[in-house]
PDB file of N, CA and C in Angstrom:
ATOM      1  N   MET A   1      37.054 101.199  -1.627  1.00  0.00           N
ATOM      2  CA  MET A   1      36.439 100.669  -0.418  1.00  0.00           C
ATOM      3  C   MET A   1      37.084  99.318  -0.085  1.00  0.00           C
ATOM      4  N   ALA A   2      37.508  99.175   1.152  1.00  0.00           N
ATOM      5  CA  ALA A   2      38.221  97.962   1.562  1.00  0.00           C
ATOM      6  C   ALA A   2      37.281  96.771   1.718  1.00  0.00           C
ATOM      7  N   VAL A   3      37.686  95.653   1.129  1.00  0.00           N
ATOM      8  CA  VAL A   3      37.005  94.370   1.302  1.00  0.00           C
ATOM      9  C   VAL A   3      38.118  93.335   1.528  1.00  0.00           C
ATOM     10  N   PRO A   4      38.571  93.195   2.789  1.00  0.00           N
ATOM     11  CA  PRO A   4      39.685  92.279   3.060  1.00  0.00           C
ATOM     12  C   PRO A   4      39.413  90.857   2.559  1.00  0.00           C
ATOM     13  N   THR A   5      40.404  90.296   1.865  1.00  0.00           N
ATOM     14  CA  THR A   5      40.218  88.990   1.229  1.00  0.00           C
ATOM     15  C   THR A   5      40.202  87.828   2.223  1.00  0.00           C
ATOM     16  N   GLU A   6      40.748  88.024   3.433  1.00  0.00           N
ATOM     17  CA  GLU A   6      40.793  86.917   4.401  1.00  0.00           C
ATOM     18  C   GLU A   6      39.476  86.738   5.154  1.00  0.00           C
ATOM     19  N   LEU A   7      38.517  87.633   4.931  1.00  0.00           N
ATOM     20  CA  LEU A   7      37.235  87.559   5.642  1.00  0.00           C
ATOM     21  C   LEU A   7      36.165  86.925   4.763  1.00  0.00           C
ATOM     22  N   ARG A   8      35.070  86.508   5.410  1.00  0.00           N
ATOM     23  CA  ARG A   8      33.868  86.050   4.712  1.00  0.00           C
ATOM     24  C   ARG A   8      32.770  87.060   4.999  1.00  0.00           C
ATOM     25  N   TYR A   9      31.756  87.116   4.132  1.00  0.00           N
ATOM     26  CA  TYR A   9      30.757  88.180   4.198  1.00  0.00           C
ATOM     27  C   TYR A   9      29.339  87.635   4.064  1.00  0.00           C
ATOM     28  N   SER A  10      28.400  88.314   4.750  1.00  0.00           N
ATOM     29  CA  SER A  10      26.986  87.939   4.639  1.00  0.00           C
ATOM     30  C   SER A  10      26.262  88.927   3.728  1.00  0.00           C
ATOM     31  N   LYS A  11      25.075  88.541   3.262  1.00  0.00           N
ATOM     32  CA  LYS A  11      24.256  89.418   2.428  1.00  0.00           C
ATOM     33  C   LYS A  11      23.849  90.676   3.191  1.00  0.00           C
ATOM     34  N   GLU A  12      23.827  90.582   4.531  1.00  0.00           N
ATOM     35  CA  GLU A  12      23.417  91.708   5.368  1.00  0.00           C
ATOM     36  C   GLU A  12      24.602  92.606   5.739  1.00  0.00           C
ATOM     37  N   HIS A  13      25.768  92.382   5.112  1.00  0.00           N
ATOM     38  CA  HIS A  13      26.952  93.246   5.267  1.00  0.00           C
ATOM     39  C   HIS A  13      27.708  93.061   6.582  1.00  0.00           C
ATOM     40  N   GLU A  14      27.634  91.857   7.151  1.00  0.00           N
ATOM     41  CA  GLU A  14      28.506  91.534   8.279  1.00  0.00           C
ATOM     42  C   GLU A  14      29.715  90.788   7.744  1.00  0.00           C
ATOM     43  N   TRP A  15      30.848  90.953   8.430  1.00  0.00           N
ATOM     44  CA  TRP A  15      32.050  90.190   8.073  1.00  0.00           C
ATOM     45  C   TRP A  15      32.348  89.198   9.179  1.00  0.00           C
ATOM     46  N   VAL A  16      33.037  88.116   8.796  1.00  0.00           N
ATOM     47  CA  VAL A  16      33.411  87.048   9.723  1.00  0.00           C
ATOM     48  C   VAL A  16      34.880  86.733   9.518  1.00  0.00           C
ATOM     49  N   LYS A  17      35.611  86.696  10.624  1.00  0.00           N
ATOM     50  CA  LYS A  17      37.024  86.316  10.592  1.00  0.00           C
ATOM     51  C   LYS A  17      37.188  85.080  11.468  1.00  0.00           C
ATOM     52  N   THR A  18      37.605  83.974  10.866  1.00  0.00           N
ATOM     53  CA  THR A  18      37.823  82.743  11.624  1.00  0.00           C
ATOM     54  C   THR A  18      39.157  82.842  12.348  1.00  0.00           C
ATOM     55  N   GLU A  19      39.103  82.583  13.665  1.00  0.00           N
ATOM     56  CA  GLU A  19      40.298  82.626  14.520  1.00  0.00           C
ATOM     57  C   GLU A  19      40.345  81.334  15.327  1.00  0.00           C
ATOM     58  N   GLY A  20      40.888  80.293  14.721  1.00  0.00           N
ATOM     59  CA  GLY A  20      40.921  78.987  15.395  1.00  0.00           C
ATOM     60  C   GLY A  20      39.519  78.431  15.524  1.00  0.00           C
ATOM     61  N   GLU A  21      39.093  78.181  16.773  1.00  0.00           N
ATOM     62  CA  GLU A  21      37.764  77.616  17.043  1.00  0.00           C
ATOM     63  C   GLU A  21      36.687  78.692  17.162  1.00  0.00           C
ATOM     64  N   LYS A  22      37.061  79.950  17.046  1.00  0.00           N
ATOM     65  CA  LYS A  22      36.111  81.052  17.237  1.00  0.00           C
ATOM     66  C   LYS A  22      36.044  81.908  15.984  1.00  0.00           C
ATOM     67  N   VAL A  23      35.005  82.741  15.915  1.00  0.00           N
ATOM     68  CA  VAL A  23      34.890  83.700  14.818  1.00  0.00           C
ATOM     69  C   VAL A  23      34.610  85.087  15.382  1.00  0.00           C
ATOM     70  N   ARG A  24      35.239  86.074  14.775  1.00  0.00           N
ATOM     71  CA  ARG A  24      35.054  87.486  15.128  1.00  0.00           C
ATOM     72  C   ARG A  24      34.109  88.080  14.077  1.00  0.00           C
ATOM     73  N   ILE A  25      33.160  88.903  14.518  1.00  0.00           N
ATOM     74  CA  ILE A  25      32.116  89.435  13.640  1.00  0.00           C
ATOM     75  C   ILE A  25      32.054  90.956  13.755  1.00  0.00           C
ATOM     76  N   GLY A  26      31.856  91.618  12.617  1.00  0.00           N
ATOM     77  CA  GLY A  26      31.650  93.066  12.590  1.00  0.00           C
ATOM     78  C   GLY A  26      30.845  93.434  11.365  1.00  0.00           C
ATOM     79  N   ILE A  27      30.712  94.741  11.095  1.00  0.00           N
ATOM     80  CA  ILE A  27      30.031  95.162   9.869  1.00  0.00           C
ATOM     81  C   ILE A  27      31.059  95.724   8.896  1.00  0.00           C
ATOM     82  N   THR A  28      30.728  95.665   7.633  1.00  0.00           N
ATOM     83  CA  THR A  28      31.673  96.028   6.578  1.00  0.00           C
ATOM     84  C   THR A  28      31.809  97.541   6.422  1.00  0.00           C
ATOM     85  N   GLU A  29      32.865  97.922   5.752  1.00  0.00           N
ATOM     86  CA  GLU A  29      33.081  99.334   5.430  1.00  0.00           C
ATOM     87  C   GLU A  29      31.920  99.859   4.587  1.00  0.00           C
ATOM     88  N   PHE A  30      31.436  99.039   3.658  1.00  0.00           N
ATOM     89  CA  PHE A  30      30.294  99.436   2.832  1.00  0.00           C
ATOM     90  C   PHE A  30      29.082  99.752   3.714  1.00  0.00           C
ATOM     91  N   ALA A  31      28.785  98.882   4.683  1.00  0.00           N
ATOM     92  CA  ALA A  31      27.621  99.075   5.561  1.00  0.00           C
ATOM     93  C   ALA A  31      27.746 100.362   6.356  1.00  0.00           C
ATOM     94  N   GLN A  32      28.909 100.594   6.963  1.00  0.00           N
ATOM     95  CA  GLN A  32      29.049 101.802   7.778  1.00  0.00           C
ATOM     96  C   GLN A  32      28.960 103.059   6.915  1.00  0.00           C
ATOM     97  N   SER A  33      29.451 102.987   5.656  1.00  0.00           N
ATOM     98  CA  SER A  33      29.385 104.165   4.785  1.00  0.00           C
ATOM     99  C   SER A  33      27.938 104.466   4.388  1.00  0.00           C
ATOM    100  N   GLU A  34      27.126 103.423   4.231  1.00  0.00           N
ATOM    101  CA  GLU A  34      25.708 103.612   3.899  1.00  0.00           C
ATOM    102  C   GLU A  34      24.932 104.178   5.096  1.00  0.00           C
ATOM    103  N   LEU A  35      25.323 103.778   6.307  1.00  0.00           N
ATOM    104  CA  LEU A  35      24.610 104.204   7.511  1.00  0.00           C
ATOM    105  C   LEU A  35      24.937 105.645   7.905  1.00  0.00           C
ATOM    106  N   GLY A  36      26.157 106.078   7.640  1.00  0.00           N
ATOM    107  CA  GLY A  36      26.569 107.407   8.078  1.00  0.00           C
ATOM    108  C   GLY A  36      27.196 107.333   9.465  1.00  0.00           C
ATOM    109  N   ASP A  37      27.250 108.458  10.157  1.00  0.00           N
ATOM    110  CA  ASP A  37      27.927 108.521  11.452  1.00  0.00           C
ATOM    111  C   ASP A  37      27.207 107.677  12.499  1.00  0.00           C
ATOM    112  N   ILE A  38      27.913 106.687  13.042  1.00  0.00           N
ATOM    113  CA  ILE A  38      27.356 105.790  14.055  1.00  0.00           C
ATOM    114  C   ILE A  38      27.417 106.482  15.413  1.00  0.00           C
ATOM    115  N   VAL A  39      26.271 106.506  16.120  1.00  0.00           N
ATOM    116  CA  VAL A  39      26.211 107.175  17.423  1.00  0.00           C
ATOM    117  C   VAL A  39      25.952 106.209  18.577  1.00  0.00           C
ATOM    118  N   PHE A  40      25.520 104.979  18.289  1.00  0.00           N
ATOM    119  CA  PHE A  40      25.230 104.008  19.349  1.00  0.00           C
ATOM    120  C   PHE A  40      25.295 102.599  18.770  1.00  0.00           C
ATOM    121  N   VAL A  41      25.847 101.667  19.546  1.00  0.00           N
ATOM    122  CA  VAL A  41      25.910 100.257  19.149  1.00  0.00           C
ATOM    123  C   VAL A  41      25.333  99.427  20.288  1.00  0.00           C
ATOM    124  N   GLU A  42      24.344  98.579  19.971  1.00  0.00           N
ATOM    125  CA  GLU A  42      23.762  97.672  20.955  1.00  0.00           C
ATOM    126  C   GLU A  42      24.179  96.251  20.604  1.00  0.00           C
ATOM    127  N   LEU A  43      24.818  95.572  21.557  1.00  0.00           N
ATOM    128  CA  LEU A  43      25.336  94.227  21.317  1.00  0.00           C
ATOM    129  C   LEU A  43      24.809  93.261  22.366  1.00  0.00           C
ATOM    130  N   PRO A  44      24.871  91.954  22.075  1.00  0.00           N
ATOM    131  CA  PRO A  44      24.419  90.968  23.053  1.00  0.00           C
ATOM    132  C   PRO A  44      25.406  90.867  24.219  1.00  0.00           C
ATOM    133  N   GLU A  45      25.045  90.068  25.215  1.00  0.00           N
ATOM    134  CA  GLU A  45      25.903  89.825  26.377  1.00  0.00           C
ATOM    135  C   GLU A  45      26.740  88.570  26.135  1.00  0.00           C
ATOM    136  N   VAL A  46      27.881  88.490  26.811  1.00  0.00           N
ATOM    137  CA  VAL A  46      28.672  87.260  26.797  1.00  0.00           C
ATOM    138  C   VAL A  46      27.783  86.144  27.347  1.00  0.00           C
ATOM    139  N   GLY A  47      27.783  85.001  26.671  1.00  0.00           N
ATOM    140  CA  GLY A  47      26.952  83.871  27.076  1.00  0.00           C
ATOM    141  C   GLY A  47      25.672  83.740  26.277  1.00  0.00           C
ATOM    142  N   ASP A  48      25.256  84.817  25.600  1.00  0.00           N
ATOM    143  CA  ASP A  48      24.050  84.756  24.774  1.00  0.00           C
ATOM    144  C   ASP A  48      24.281  83.838  23.574  1.00  0.00           C
ATOM    145  N   GLU A  49      23.215  83.190  23.141  1.00  0.00           N
ATOM    146  CA  GLU A  49      23.251  82.388  21.916  1.00  0.00           C
ATOM    147  C   GLU A  49      22.714  83.254  20.782  1.00  0.00           C
ATOM    148  N   ILE A  50      23.378  83.209  19.636  1.00  0.00           N
ATOM    149  CA  ILE A  50      22.869  83.903  18.453  1.00  0.00           C
ATOM    150  C   ILE A  50      22.563  82.854  17.385  1.00  0.00           C
ATOM    151  N   SER A  51      21.609  83.191  16.529  1.00  0.00           N
ATOM    152  CA  SER A  51      21.194  82.268  15.469  1.00  0.00           C
ATOM    153  C   SER A  51      21.403  82.905  14.114  1.00  0.00           C
ATOM    154  N   SER A  52      21.924  82.117  13.194  1.00  0.00           N
ATOM    155  CA  SER A  52      22.190  82.569  11.834  1.00  0.00           C
ATOM    156  C   SER A  52      20.957  83.244  11.236  1.00  0.00           C
ATOM    157  N   ASN A  53      21.177  84.404  10.598  1.00  0.00           N
ATOM    158  CA  ASN A  53      20.142  85.195   9.927  1.00  0.00           C
ATOM    159  C   ASN A  53      19.136  85.834  10.873  1.00  0.00           C
ATOM    160  N   GLU A  54      19.396  85.794  12.187  1.00  0.00           N
ATOM    161  CA  GLU A  54      18.530  86.435  13.173  1.00  0.00           C
ATOM    162  C   GLU A  54      19.253  87.654  13.747  1.00  0.00           C
ATOM    163  N   PRO A  55      18.519  88.698  14.155  1.00  0.00           N
ATOM    164  CA  PRO A  55      19.159  89.881  14.735  1.00  0.00           C
ATOM    165  C   PRO A  55      19.915  89.538  16.027  1.00  0.00           C
ATOM    166  N   PHE A  56      21.090  90.158  16.200  1.00  0.00           N
ATOM    167  CA  PHE A  56      21.842  89.982  17.446  1.00  0.00           C
ATOM    168  C   PHE A  56      22.166  91.310  18.111  1.00  0.00           C
ATOM    169  N   GLY A  57      21.784  92.409  17.481  1.00  0.00           N
ATOM    170  CA  GLY A  57      22.046  93.731  18.023  1.00  0.00           C
ATOM    171  C   GLY A  57      21.642  94.770  16.999  1.00  0.00           C
ATOM    172  N   SER A  58      22.074  96.020  17.245  1.00  0.00           N
ATOM    173  CA  SER A  58      21.741  97.082  16.303  1.00  0.00           C
ATOM    174  C   SER A  58      22.791  98.179  16.358  1.00  0.00           C
ATOM    175  N   VAL A  59      22.833  98.948  15.285  1.00  0.00           N
ATOM    176  CA  VAL A  59      23.661 100.151  15.236  1.00  0.00           C
ATOM    177  C   VAL A  59      22.737 101.319  14.916  1.00  0.00           C
ATOM    178  N   GLU A  60      22.969 102.420  15.618  1.00  0.00           N
ATOM    179  CA  GLU A  60      22.173 103.623  15.390  1.00  0.00           C
ATOM    180  C   GLU A  60      23.093 104.681  14.806  1.00  0.00           C
ATOM    181  N   SER A  61      22.644 105.236  13.704  1.00  0.00           N
ATOM    182  CA  SER A  61      23.404 106.311  13.079  1.00  0.00           C
ATOM    183  C   SER A  61      22.562 107.582  13.139  1.00  0.00           C
ATOM    184  N   VAL A  62      23.124 108.681  12.665  1.00  0.00           N
ATOM    185  CA  VAL A  62      22.357 109.917  12.633  1.00  0.00           C
ATOM    186  C   VAL A  62      21.169 109.791  11.671  1.00  0.00           C
ATOM    187  N   LYS A  63      21.227 108.825  10.746  1.00  0.00           N
ATOM    188  CA  LYS A  63      20.167 108.630   9.754  1.00  0.00           C
ATOM    189  C   LYS A  63      19.093 107.640  10.201  1.00  0.00           C
ATOM    190  N   THR A  64      19.505 106.521  10.855  1.00  0.00           N
ATOM    191  CA  THR A  64      18.580 105.410  11.063  1.00  0.00           C
ATOM    192  C   THR A  64      19.099 104.450  12.124  1.00  0.00           C
ATOM    193  N   VAL A  65      18.252 103.508  12.516  1.00  0.00           N
ATOM    194  CA  VAL A  65      18.681 102.382  13.347  1.00  0.00           C
ATOM    195  C   VAL A  65      18.629 101.152  12.454  1.00  0.00           C
ATOM    196  N   SER A  66      19.703 100.369  12.465  1.00  0.00           N
ATOM    197  CA  SER A  66      19.772  99.199  11.605  1.00  0.00           C
ATOM    198  C   SER A  66      20.107  97.966  12.441  1.00  0.00           C
ATOM    199  N   GLU A  67      19.356  96.886  12.219  1.00  0.00           N
ATOM    200  CA  GLU A  67      19.631  95.657  12.953  1.00  0.00           C
ATOM    201  C   GLU A  67      20.883  94.983  12.400  1.00  0.00           C
ATOM    202  N   LEU A  68      21.566  94.282  13.300  1.00  0.00           N
ATOM    203  CA  LEU A  68      22.718  93.459  12.933  1.00  0.00           C
ATOM    204  C   LEU A  68      22.232  92.019  12.862  1.00  0.00           C
ATOM    205  N   TYR A  69      22.547  91.331  11.770  1.00  0.00           N
ATOM    206  CA  TYR A  69      22.091  89.953  11.597  1.00  0.00           C
ATOM    207  C   TYR A  69      23.260  88.995  11.736  1.00  0.00           C
ATOM    208  N   ALA A  70      23.063  87.963  12.531  1.00  0.00           N
ATOM    209  CA  ALA A  70      24.117  86.980  12.778  1.00  0.00           C
ATOM    210  C   ALA A  70      24.443  86.220  11.498  1.00  0.00           C
ATOM    211  N   PRO A  71      25.713  86.239  11.075  1.00  0.00           N
ATOM    212  CA  PRO A  71      26.089  85.475   9.887  1.00  0.00           C
ATOM    213  C   PRO A  71      26.230  83.982  10.182  1.00  0.00           C
ATOM    214  N   ILE A  72      26.380  83.643  11.467  1.00  0.00           N
ATOM    215  CA  ILE A  72      26.481  82.238  11.887  1.00  0.00           C
ATOM    216  C   ILE A  72      25.786  82.073  13.230  1.00  0.00           C
ATOM    217  N   SER A  73      25.558  80.832  13.630  1.00  0.00           N
ATOM    218  CA  SER A  73      24.964  80.534  14.937  1.00  0.00           C
ATOM    219  C   SER A  73      26.056  80.168  15.925  1.00  0.00           C
ATOM    220  N   GLY A  74      25.811  80.476  17.198  1.00  0.00           N
ATOM    221  CA  GLY A  74      26.774  80.093  18.217  1.00  0.00           C
ATOM    222  C   GLY A  74      26.595  80.863  19.504  1.00  0.00           C
ATOM    223  N   LYS A  75      27.589  80.726  20.382  1.00  0.00           N
ATOM    224  CA  LYS A  75      27.563  81.345  21.705  1.00  0.00           C
ATOM    225  C   LYS A  75      28.533  82.528  21.730  1.00  0.00           C
ATOM    226  N   VAL A  76      28.048  83.675  22.208  1.00  0.00           N
ATOM    227  CA  VAL A  76      28.885  84.875  22.320  1.00  0.00           C
ATOM    228  C   VAL A  76      29.875  84.678  23.471  1.00  0.00           C
ATOM    229  N   VAL A  77      31.179  84.773  23.164  1.00  0.00           N
ATOM    230  CA  VAL A  77      32.209  84.590  24.191  1.00  0.00           C
ATOM    231  C   VAL A  77      32.973  85.878  24.487  1.00  0.00           C
ATOM    232  N   GLU A  78      32.794  86.897  23.640  1.00  0.00           N
ATOM    233  CA  GLU A  78      33.454  88.173  23.867  1.00  0.00           C
ATOM    234  C   GLU A  78      32.642  89.264  23.157  1.00  0.00           C
ATOM    235  N   VAL A  79      32.574  90.433  23.798  1.00  0.00           N
ATOM    236  CA  VAL A  79      31.868  91.577  23.238  1.00  0.00           C
ATOM    237  C   VAL A  79      32.827  92.761  23.262  1.00  0.00           C
ATOM    238  N   ASN A  80      32.840  93.545  22.199  1.00  0.00           N
ATOM    239  CA  ASN A  80      33.717  94.708  22.123  1.00  0.00           C
ATOM    240  C   ASN A  80      33.113  95.853  22.948  1.00  0.00           C
ATOM    241  N   GLU A  81      33.517  95.911  24.225  1.00  0.00           N
ATOM    242  CA  GLU A  81      32.997  96.925  25.143  1.00  0.00           C
ATOM    243  C   GLU A  81      33.400  98.338  24.725  1.00  0.00           C
ATOM    244  N   ASP A  82      34.485  98.490  23.960  1.00  0.00           N
ATOM    245  CA  ASP A  82      34.945  99.815  23.529  1.00  0.00           C
ATOM    246  C   ASP A  82      33.876 100.547  22.714  1.00  0.00           C
ATOM    247  N   LEU A  83      32.997  99.787  22.051  1.00  0.00           N
ATOM    248  CA  LEU A  83      31.991 100.423  21.194  1.00  0.00           C
ATOM    249  C   LEU A  83      30.923 101.154  22.000  1.00  0.00           C
ATOM    250  N   SER A  84      30.772 100.819  23.290  1.00  0.00           N
ATOM    251  CA  SER A  84      29.819 101.542  24.144  1.00  0.00           C
ATOM    252  C   SER A  84      30.225 103.003  24.273  1.00  0.00           C
ATOM    253  N   ASP A  85      31.510 103.232  24.518  1.00  0.00           N
ATOM    254  CA  ASP A  85      32.016 104.587  24.705  1.00  0.00           C
ATOM    255  C   ASP A  85      32.459 105.231  23.394  1.00  0.00           C
ATOM    256  N   SER A  86      32.803 104.427  22.405  1.00  0.00           N
ATOM    257  CA  SER A  86      33.349 104.954  21.151  1.00  0.00           C
ATOM    258  C   SER A  86      32.682 104.320  19.928  1.00  0.00           C
ATOM    259  N   PRO A  87      31.360 104.555  19.738  1.00  0.00           N
ATOM    260  CA  PRO A  87      30.685 103.961  18.574  1.00  0.00           C
ATOM    261  C   PRO A  87      31.262 104.444  17.246  1.00  0.00           C
ATOM    262  N   GLU A  88      31.966 105.584  17.272  1.00  0.00           N
ATOM    263  CA  GLU A  88      32.567 106.109  16.037  1.00  0.00           C
ATOM    264  C   GLU A  88      33.645 105.188  15.480  1.00  0.00           C
ATOM    265  N   PHE A  89      34.148 104.237  16.281  1.00  0.00           N
ATOM    266  CA  PHE A  89      35.113 103.253  15.778  1.00  0.00           C
ATOM    267  C   PHE A  89      34.548 102.515  14.565  1.00  0.00           C
ATOM    268  N   VAL A  90      33.216 102.326  14.529  1.00  0.00           N
ATOM    269  CA  VAL A  90      32.586 101.620  13.403  1.00  0.00           C
ATOM    270  C   VAL A  90      32.870 102.367  12.105  1.00  0.00           C
ATOM    271  N   ASN A  91      32.833 103.697  12.149  1.00  0.00           N
ATOM    272  CA  ASN A  91      33.123 104.500  10.961  1.00  0.00           C
ATOM    273  C   ASN A  91      34.620 104.584  10.692  1.00  0.00           C
ATOM    274  N   GLU A  92      35.416 104.680  11.739  1.00  0.00           N
ATOM    275  CA  GLU A  92      36.859 104.890  11.595  1.00  0.00           C
ATOM    276  C   GLU A  92      37.621 103.614  11.234  1.00  0.00           C
ATOM    277  N   SER A  93      37.185 102.478  11.779  1.00  0.00           N
ATOM    278  CA  SER A  93      37.974 101.255  11.656  1.00  0.00           C
ATOM    279  C   SER A  93      37.081 100.014  11.700  1.00  0.00           C
ATOM    280  N   PRO A  94      36.232  99.813  10.661  1.00  0.00           N
ATOM    281  CA  PRO A  94      35.249  98.728  10.720  1.00  0.00           C
ATOM    282  C   PRO A  94      35.843  97.318  10.812  1.00  0.00           C
ATOM    283  N   TYR A  95      37.087  97.141  10.358  1.00  0.00           N
ATOM    284  CA  TYR A  95      37.666  95.798  10.373  1.00  0.00           C
ATOM    285  C   TYR A  95      38.649  95.563  11.517  1.00  0.00           C
ATOM    286  N   GLU A  96      39.113  96.617  12.170  1.00  0.00           N
ATOM    287  CA  GLU A  96      40.080  96.434  13.248  1.00  0.00           C
ATOM    288  C   GLU A  96      39.461  96.769  14.606  1.00  0.00           C
ATOM    289  N   LYS A  97      39.339  98.057  14.909  1.00  0.00           N
ATOM    290  CA  LYS A  97      38.844  98.483  16.224  1.00  0.00           C
ATOM    291  C   LYS A  97      37.370  98.165  16.450  1.00  0.00           C
ATOM    292  N   ALA A  98      36.580  98.102  15.389  1.00  0.00           N
ATOM    293  CA  ALA A  98      35.124  98.002  15.542  1.00  0.00           C
ATOM    294  C   ALA A  98      34.562  96.598  15.365  1.00  0.00           C
ATOM    295  N   TRP A  99      35.393  95.555  15.599  1.00  0.00           N
ATOM    296  CA  TRP A  99      34.781  94.223  15.640  1.00  0.00           C
ATOM    297  C   TRP A  99      33.701  94.286  16.721  1.00  0.00           C
ATOM    298  N   MET A 100      32.672  93.470  16.602  1.00  0.00           N
ATOM    299  CA  MET A 100      31.548  93.584  17.528  1.00  0.00           C
ATOM    300  C   MET A 100      31.493  92.457  18.549  1.00  0.00           C
ATOM    301  N   ILE A 101      31.541  91.222  18.063  1.00  0.00           N
ATOM    302  CA  ILE A 101      31.469  90.082  18.980  1.00  0.00           C
ATOM    303  C   ILE A 101      32.392  88.967  18.506  1.00  0.00           C
ATOM    304  N   VAL A 102      32.747  88.095  19.451  1.00  0.00           N
ATOM    305  CA  VAL A 102      33.454  86.861  19.139  1.00  0.00           C
ATOM    306  C   VAL A 102      32.521  85.726  19.552  1.00  0.00           C
ATOM    307  N   VAL A 103      32.382  84.740  18.659  1.00  0.00           N
ATOM    308  CA  VAL A 103      31.418  83.661  18.841  1.00  0.00           C
ATOM    309  C   VAL A 103      32.114  82.313  18.726  1.00  0.00           C
ATOM    310  N   GLU A 104      31.690  81.365  19.592  1.00  0.00           N
ATOM    311  CA  GLU A 104      32.040  79.952  19.410  1.00  0.00           C
ATOM    312  C   GLU A 104      30.933  79.375  18.543  1.00  0.00           C
ATOM    313  N   PRO A 105      31.232  79.085  17.259  1.00  0.00           N
ATOM    314  CA  PRO A 105      30.164  78.623  16.372  1.00  0.00           C
ATOM    315  C   PRO A 105      29.639  77.243  16.758  1.00  0.00           C
ATOM    316  N   SER A 106      28.329  77.062  16.575  1.00  0.00           N
ATOM    317  CA  SER A 106      27.757  75.740  16.818  1.00  0.00           C
ATOM    318  C   SER A 106      28.052  74.809  15.644  1.00  0.00           C
ATOM    319  N   ASP A 107      28.348  75.382  14.473  1.00  0.00           N
ATOM    320  CA  ASP A 107      28.720  74.601  13.290  1.00  0.00           C
ATOM    321  C   ASP A 107      29.824  75.364  12.565  1.00  0.00           C
ATOM    322  N   VAL A 108      31.051  74.894  12.664  1.00  0.00           N
ATOM    323  CA  VAL A 108      32.190  75.612  12.088  1.00  0.00           C
ATOM    324  C   VAL A 108      32.121  75.729  10.567  1.00  0.00           C
ATOM    325  N   THR A 109      31.328  74.898   9.910  1.00  0.00           N
ATOM    326  CA  THR A 109      31.238  74.965   8.448  1.00  0.00           C
ATOM    327  C   THR A 109      30.328  76.099   7.966  1.00  0.00           C
ATOM    328  N   GLU A 110      29.556  76.701   8.885  1.00  0.00           N
ATOM    329  CA  GLU A 110      28.666  77.801   8.479  1.00  0.00           C
ATOM    330  C   GLU A 110      29.439  78.944   7.829  1.00  0.00           C
ATOM    331  N   ALA A 111      30.606  79.270   8.365  1.00  0.00           N
ATOM    332  CA  ALA A 111      31.404  80.380   7.829  1.00  0.00           C
ATOM    333  C   ALA A 111      31.814  80.110   6.380  1.00  0.00           C
ATOM    334  N   ASP A 112      32.032  78.847   6.040  1.00  0.00           N
ATOM    335  CA  ASP A 112      32.430  78.491   4.674  1.00  0.00           C
ATOM    336  C   ASP A 112      31.329  78.779   3.656  1.00  0.00           C
ATOM    337  N   LYS A 113      30.092  78.881   4.124  1.00  0.00           N
ATOM    338  CA  LYS A 113      28.965  79.114   3.225  1.00  0.00           C
ATOM    339  C   LYS A 113      28.760  80.597   2.927  1.00  0.00           C
ATOM    340  N   LEU A 114      29.479  81.460   3.644  1.00  0.00           N
ATOM    341  CA  LEU A 114      29.361  82.896   3.415  1.00  0.00           C
ATOM    342  C   LEU A 114      30.128  83.291   2.158  1.00  0.00           C
ATOM    343  N   MET A 115      29.906  84.526   1.704  1.00  0.00           N
ATOM    344  CA  MET A 115      30.546  85.004   0.481  1.00  0.00           C
ATOM    345  C   MET A 115      32.038  85.269   0.684  1.00  0.00           C
ATOM    346  N   THR A 116      32.793  85.027  -0.374  1.00  0.00           N
ATOM    347  CA  THR A 116      34.199  85.436  -0.395  1.00  0.00           C
ATOM    348  C   THR A 116      34.235  86.939  -0.640  1.00  0.00           C
ATOM    349  N   ALA A 117      35.409  87.541  -0.480  1.00  0.00           N
ATOM    350  CA  ALA A 117      35.566  88.978  -0.745  1.00  0.00           C
ATOM    351  C   ALA A 117      35.149  89.308  -2.180  1.00  0.00           C
ATOM    352  N   GLU A 118      35.546  88.467  -3.123  1.00  0.00           N
ATOM    353  CA  GLU A 118      35.208  88.698  -4.530  1.00  0.00           C
ATOM    354  C   GLU A 118      33.694  88.670  -4.744  1.00  0.00           C
ATOM    355  N   GLN A 119      33.026  87.679  -4.156  1.00  0.00           N
ATOM    356  CA  GLN A 119      31.572  87.582  -4.294  1.00  0.00           C
ATOM    357  C   GLN A 119      30.876  88.777  -3.639  1.00  0.00           C
ATOM    358  N   TYR A 120      31.380  89.203  -2.468  1.00  0.00           N
ATOM    359  CA  TYR A 120      30.800  90.341  -1.780  1.00  0.00           C
ATOM    360  C   TYR A 120      30.955  91.620  -2.602  1.00  0.00           C
ATOM    361  N   GLU A 121      32.135  91.814  -3.166  1.00  0.00           N
ATOM    362  CA  GLU A 121      32.379  92.992  -4.015  1.00  0.00           C
ATOM    363  C   GLU A 121      31.416  93.014  -5.200  1.00  0.00           C
ATOM    364  N   GLN A 122      31.195  91.861  -5.810  1.00  0.00           N
ATOM    365  CA  GLN A 122      30.252  91.797  -6.929  1.00  0.00           C
ATOM    366  C   GLN A 122      28.857  92.229  -6.465  1.00  0.00           C
ATOM    367  N   MET A 123      28.446  91.758  -5.285  1.00  0.00           N
ATOM    368  CA  MET A 123      27.111  92.086  -4.776  1.00  0.00           C
ATOM    369  C   MET A 123      26.966  93.590  -4.528  1.00  0.00           C
ATOM    370  N   ILE A 124      27.935  94.214  -3.883  1.00  0.00           N
ATOM    371  CA  ILE A 124      27.786  95.638  -3.557  1.00  0.00           C
ATOM    372  C   ILE A 124      27.962  96.547  -4.776  1.00  0.00           C
ATOM    373  N   ASN A 125      28.560  96.012  -5.838  1.00  0.00           N
ATOM    374  CA  ASN A 125      28.747  96.817  -7.047  1.00  0.00           C
ATOM    375  C   ASN A 125      27.619  96.667  -8.057  1.00  0.00           C
ATOM    376  N   GLU A 126      26.659  95.795  -7.753  1.00  0.00           N
ATOM    377  CA  GLU A 126      25.542  95.589  -8.694  1.00  0.00           C
ATOM    378  C   GLU A 126      24.564  96.746  -8.641  1.00  0.00           C
TER     379      GLU A 126
END
């Protein structure tokens, strides 16, 4: 199971990729494998504020609906519109095609407090 080392991870199985002043957010390969086939993704609008550890959207699979929890706080500046028509991208490509939102963080140090790939791997293997 892929756990890219350049990303940071939350306890709720979201990944964060720092890109200059912004961060890209999605769910991990582990999360999508636990959920099963994704059939719908609900995401916030550009301009919405998200708060760390608070829900910012949801993914619906054939098994369940699961909330997405913000790993950091900030303003949504981009939303992956492709997921509206192709929610299966979450299963096929959780780290590339299925990024969910891009955020301007209100505190850039928040991402540093998330788990490293090694720490995340330890958590999912327990």
